[in-house]
Protein backbone atom coordinates (compact mmCIF):
# COMPACT_ATOMS: atom_id res chain seq x y z
CA MET A 1 29.58 -27.45 -6.59
CA SER A 2 33.18 -27.10 -7.77
CA TYR A 3 34.95 -23.79 -8.26
CA SER A 4 34.58 -23.96 -12.05
CA ALA A 5 30.89 -24.88 -11.74
CA ASN A 6 30.44 -22.05 -9.25
CA ALA A 7 32.03 -19.56 -11.62
CA TRP A 8 29.93 -20.82 -14.53
CA ALA A 9 26.71 -20.56 -12.50
CA LYS A 10 27.58 -17.01 -11.41
CA ARG A 11 28.23 -15.92 -15.00
CA MET A 12 24.96 -17.45 -16.22
CA MET A 13 22.92 -15.84 -13.43
CA ALA A 14 24.52 -12.44 -13.94
CA LYS A 15 23.79 -12.68 -17.67
CA LYS A 16 20.13 -13.49 -17.07
CA ILE A 17 19.72 -10.74 -14.45
CA ASN A 18 21.22 -8.13 -16.78
CA ALA A 19 18.97 -9.25 -19.64
CA GLN A 20 15.75 -8.56 -17.70
CA GLN A 21 14.24 -5.59 -15.94
CA LEU A 22 13.08 -6.95 -12.61
CA VAL A 23 11.36 -5.19 -9.74
CA ALA A 24 11.57 -6.82 -6.31
CA LYS A 25 8.17 -7.26 -4.69
CA THR A 26 9.84 -6.49 -1.36
CA TYR A 27 8.93 -2.81 -1.69
CA LYS A 28 5.28 -3.44 -2.52
CA GLU A 29 4.83 -6.01 0.24
CA THR A 30 6.59 -3.85 2.84
CA LEU A 31 4.43 -0.87 1.92
CA ARG A 32 1.34 -3.05 2.14
CA PHE A 33 2.36 -4.10 5.65
CA MET A 34 3.02 -0.52 6.76
CA LEU A 35 -0.36 0.65 5.46
CA ALA A 36 -2.17 -2.24 7.12
CA THR A 37 -0.39 -1.61 10.43
CA PHE A 38 -1.20 2.08 10.65
CA SER A 39 -4.71 1.65 9.26
CA ALA A 40 -5.55 -0.01 12.59
CA LEU A 41 -5.13 3.22 14.58
CA LYS A 42 -8.20 4.90 16.04
CA ILE A 43 -9.19 7.89 18.12
CA ILE A 44 -11.92 8.44 20.70
CA ASP A 45 -13.84 11.65 20.12
CA PRO A 46 -15.21 13.91 22.93
CA GLN A 47 -18.52 12.02 22.82
CA GLY A 48 -16.74 8.71 23.45
CA ALA A 49 -17.18 7.33 19.93
CA VAL A 50 -14.37 5.27 18.43
CA ILE A 51 -13.31 6.73 15.05
CA ASP A 52 -11.31 4.86 12.42
CA VAL A 53 -8.47 6.97 11.03
CA PRO A 54 -7.76 6.48 7.30
CA CYS A 55 -4.20 5.63 6.28
CA ILE A 56 -3.05 6.21 2.70
CA ASN A 57 0.15 6.17 0.67
CA ALA A 58 0.92 9.78 -0.22
CA ASN A 59 3.70 12.34 -0.06
CA PRO A 60 3.23 15.44 2.17
CA GLU A 61 2.85 17.87 -0.73
CA ARG A 62 0.01 15.90 -2.29
CA THR A 63 -1.57 15.45 1.12
CA VAL A 64 -1.71 19.20 1.65
CA ALA A 65 -3.50 19.58 -1.68
CA LYS A 66 -5.94 16.82 -0.78
CA LEU A 67 -6.72 18.27 2.64
CA TYR A 68 -8.94 20.84 0.97
CA GLN A 69 -11.85 19.28 -0.86
CA ASP A 70 -14.88 21.52 -1.27
CA ASN A 71 -13.27 23.81 1.33
CA ASN A 72 -13.56 21.11 3.98
CA ILE A 73 -10.51 19.69 5.76
CA ILE A 74 -10.84 15.93 6.19
CA LEU A 75 -8.91 15.14 9.36
CA PRO A 76 -7.42 13.19 11.03
CA VAL A 77 -5.52 11.18 8.44
CA ILE A 78 -2.26 9.21 8.39
CA THR A 79 0.02 9.11 5.36
CA VAL A 80 2.83 6.68 4.60
CA GLY A 81 5.52 7.46 2.06
CA GLN A 82 8.70 5.70 1.01
CA LEU A 83 11.74 7.99 0.97
CA THR A 84 15.06 6.29 0.25
CA THR A 85 16.83 2.95 0.07
CA THR A 86 20.45 2.74 1.21
CA ASP A 87 22.85 -0.18 1.48
CA ASN A 88 23.54 -1.45 4.99
CA ASP A 89 27.28 -2.14 5.14
CA GLU A 90 27.08 -3.84 8.54
CA ARG A 91 24.78 -6.57 7.21
CA ARG A 92 26.19 -6.70 3.69
CA ARG A 93 27.44 -9.98 2.28
CA PRO A 94 29.57 -10.40 -0.84
CA TYR A 95 27.48 -9.98 -3.99
CA ASP A 96 28.85 -13.11 -5.63
CA LEU A 97 28.19 -15.33 -2.61
CA LEU A 98 25.97 -18.18 -3.76
CA VAL A 99 23.00 -19.29 -1.67
CA ASN A 100 22.02 -22.93 -2.18
CA GLU A 101 18.54 -24.20 -1.42
CA SER A 102 16.64 -27.40 -2.06
CA HIS A 103 13.19 -27.56 -3.69
CA TRP A 104 11.05 -30.67 -3.38
CA ASP A 105 8.92 -31.41 -6.44
CA LYS A 106 5.84 -33.31 -5.22
CA GLN A 107 4.83 -34.46 -8.69
CA ARG A 108 8.24 -35.81 -9.65
CA ARG A 109 8.99 -36.84 -6.07
CA ARG A 110 12.53 -35.58 -6.18
CA ALA A 111 14.58 -32.62 -4.97
CA PHE A 112 16.06 -29.91 -7.18
CA ARG A 113 18.82 -27.46 -6.40
CA VAL A 114 17.93 -23.77 -6.34
CA ILE A 115 20.69 -21.15 -6.32
CA SER A 116 20.80 -17.37 -6.06
CA PHE A 117 23.11 -14.55 -5.12
CA ALA A 118 23.06 -13.47 -1.47
CA PRO A 119 20.29 -10.91 -0.87
CA ARG A 120 21.25 -7.25 -0.72
CA ALA A 121 21.05 -5.77 2.79
CA VAL A 122 19.31 -2.39 2.74
CA ASN A 123 17.63 0.17 4.95
CA ILE A 124 14.34 1.41 3.48
CA THR A 125 13.22 4.73 4.96
CA TYR A 126 9.55 5.68 5.32
CA ASP A 127 7.78 8.79 6.55
CA ILE A 128 4.72 8.26 8.72
CA ASN A 129 2.83 11.57 8.91
CA ILE A 130 -0.10 12.16 11.23
CA TRP A 131 -2.38 15.08 10.29
CA THR A 132 -4.95 16.33 12.81
CA LYS A 133 -6.90 19.46 13.67
CA TYR A 134 -6.89 18.99 17.43
CA ASN A 135 -4.07 18.32 19.89
CA GLU A 136 -6.14 15.66 21.65
CA ASP A 137 -6.37 13.62 18.43
CA MET A 138 -2.64 14.01 17.80
CA ASP A 139 -1.75 12.86 21.32
CA GLN A 140 -3.84 9.70 20.91
CA LEU A 141 -2.42 8.79 17.51
CA ALA A 142 1.21 9.64 18.25
CA GLU A 143 1.11 7.50 21.38
CA GLN A 144 -0.29 4.56 19.41
CA VAL A 145 2.50 4.86 16.83
CA ARG A 146 5.14 4.81 19.56
CA LEU A 147 3.55 1.74 21.14
CA VAL A 148 3.67 -0.12 17.82
CA PHE A 149 7.46 -0.04 18.14
CA SER A 150 8.71 -1.72 21.32
CA PRO A 151 11.43 -0.91 20.47
CA ASP A 152 11.13 -2.39 16.98
CA LEU A 153 8.28 -3.51 14.74
CA LYS A 154 8.48 -6.96 13.18
CA VAL A 155 7.66 -6.59 9.48
CA VAL A 156 5.86 -9.71 8.27
CA THR A 157 5.27 -10.30 4.56
CA LYS A 158 4.88 -13.36 2.36
CA TYR A 159 8.66 -13.27 1.81
CA THR A 160 9.99 -12.67 5.31
CA ASN A 161 9.08 -12.56 8.99
CA SER A 162 12.48 -11.46 10.29
CA THR A 163 12.66 -7.87 9.06
CA ALA A 164 12.73 -5.18 11.76
CA ALA A 165 11.60 -1.55 11.59
CA PHE A 166 12.66 1.23 13.98
CA ILE A 167 11.67 4.83 14.67
CA THR A 168 14.75 6.91 13.85
CA ASP A 169 13.29 10.40 14.22
CA GLU A 170 10.17 12.24 15.37
CA THR A 171 9.46 15.87 14.44
CA ASN A 172 6.64 18.37 14.74
CA ASP A 173 5.66 20.54 11.77
CA SER A 174 2.26 21.96 12.54
CA VAL A 175 1.87 25.20 10.57
CA LEU A 176 1.24 24.88 6.86
CA VAL A 177 -0.07 27.30 4.25
CA VAL A 178 -3.02 25.76 2.46
CA GLY A 179 -4.77 27.52 -0.39
CA ASP A 180 -4.95 31.31 -0.16
CA ARG A 181 -4.89 31.48 3.61
CA GLU A 182 -2.88 30.10 6.47
CA ASP A 183 -4.49 27.32 8.47
CA ARG A 184 -3.02 25.57 11.44
CA ILE A 185 -2.78 21.89 10.76
CA ILE A 186 -1.16 19.77 13.44
CA ARG A 187 1.36 17.44 11.84
CA ARG A 188 3.77 14.99 13.43
CA LYS A 189 6.27 13.06 11.36
CA PHE A 190 7.88 9.75 12.29
CA GLU A 191 10.85 8.58 10.25
CA ILE A 192 10.96 4.78 10.08
CA SER A 193 13.91 2.65 9.01
CA VAL A 194 13.18 -0.88 7.80
CA GLU A 195 16.21 -3.16 7.95
CA GLY A 196 15.42 -5.51 5.11
CA TYR A 197 16.89 -7.51 2.27
CA ILE A 198 16.34 -7.22 -1.47
CA PRO A 199 16.50 -10.73 -2.92
CA TYR A 200 18.07 -11.66 -6.21
CA PRO A 201 16.25 -13.99 -8.63
CA LYS A 202 16.42 -17.69 -7.83
CA TYR A 203 17.47 -20.23 -10.43
CA LEU A 204 16.75 -23.90 -10.76
CA ILE A 205 19.53 -26.26 -11.84
CA THR A 206 17.89 -28.93 -13.97
CA SER A 207 18.93 -32.56 -14.21
CA THR A 208 20.66 -31.73 -17.50
CA GLY A 209 22.70 -28.95 -15.92
CA GLU A 210 20.72 -26.06 -17.36
CA ILE A 211 19.82 -22.97 -15.34
CA THR A 212 16.23 -21.74 -15.51
CA GLU A 213 14.35 -19.09 -13.55
CA TYR A 214 12.58 -20.25 -10.42
CA ASN A 215 11.22 -17.22 -8.70
CA THR A 216 8.09 -15.41 -7.49
CA GLU A 217 9.74 -12.53 -5.64
CA PHE A 218 10.11 -10.37 -8.74
CA GLU A 219 7.93 -8.83 -11.40
CA ILE A 220 9.03 -8.36 -14.98
CA VAL A 221 8.82 -4.64 -15.73
CA THR A 222 6.44 -3.82 -18.57
CA GLN A 223 5.38 -0.53 -20.10
CA GLU A 224 2.22 -0.65 -17.99
CA ASN A 225 3.87 -1.00 -14.58
CA VAL A 226 7.24 0.65 -15.10
CA SER A 227 5.95 3.93 -13.64
CA LEU A 228 4.51 3.53 -10.16
CA ASP A 229 2.65 6.63 -9.02
CA SER A 230 2.48 6.27 -5.25
CA SER A 231 0.49 9.44 -4.86
CA SER A 232 -2.49 8.04 -2.97
CA PHE A 233 -3.71 4.52 -2.36
CA SER A 234 -4.55 2.37 0.62
CA ALA A 235 -3.49 -1.09 1.73
CA SER A 236 -6.47 -2.71 0.05
CA SER A 237 -5.86 -0.99 -3.27
CA ILE A 238 -2.35 -2.32 -3.89
CA ASN A 239 -2.41 -4.76 -6.77
CA SER A 240 -1.54 -8.18 -5.41
CA THR A 241 -1.13 -9.89 -8.79
CA GLU A 242 1.16 -12.87 -8.49
CA VAL A 243 3.87 -13.65 -10.98
CA GLY A 244 4.06 -17.42 -11.15
CA THR A 245 7.12 -19.51 -11.79
CA PHE A 246 8.45 -18.67 -15.22
CA THR A 247 11.09 -20.53 -17.19
CA GLN A 248 13.52 -19.16 -19.69
CA LYS A 249 16.49 -21.03 -21.09
């Protein structure tokens, strides 16, 4: 692609990106992976029974409120929450760098060119909180979390299998005030950094030189899904609705 064609393609892609509200599925798929990973943790109770430990998406404040239901504390439980997303300057590539790919159309038996901007390198930070009533349960679960990372955790989603996650901090915050009285709840927090990439939409260059969308890594934001309340849901409850290839000239 010549310099003038490159510049034209960049202008057209930037125009289309700015005209739409798009949400990368990277966040949803990464959260799904984190929930599935930590939903596999278990404890062995004093009687030798193996107990599954629930893992949900929730922030600490909402978790504290949920811990009391009918005056009964439901423990242990693991919560996963997304905190921040920051650019990673060490892995950053120029925004206007074009990535060229080839797509093979089985029906037409020919290849098409697919272009996009270079993905944005980011660090996505998560909090993994373990809530227990007994030290023995905490010791079992905390050790399992540490063993998951050796030293990193390979994050595998439908969009990538090369993203790495690391434990960046581990803290103990065991005394919380719940309701009208103070109860000792054992809590250990792991801060996790996921070194990932946020992709830009991909575009298909047609045989007539037009640029059309060719992408399934984004959702178009609508009034129904623009507000995502991540207060409390599990890996199985995340909506996995696919957005098929859509075309817009």
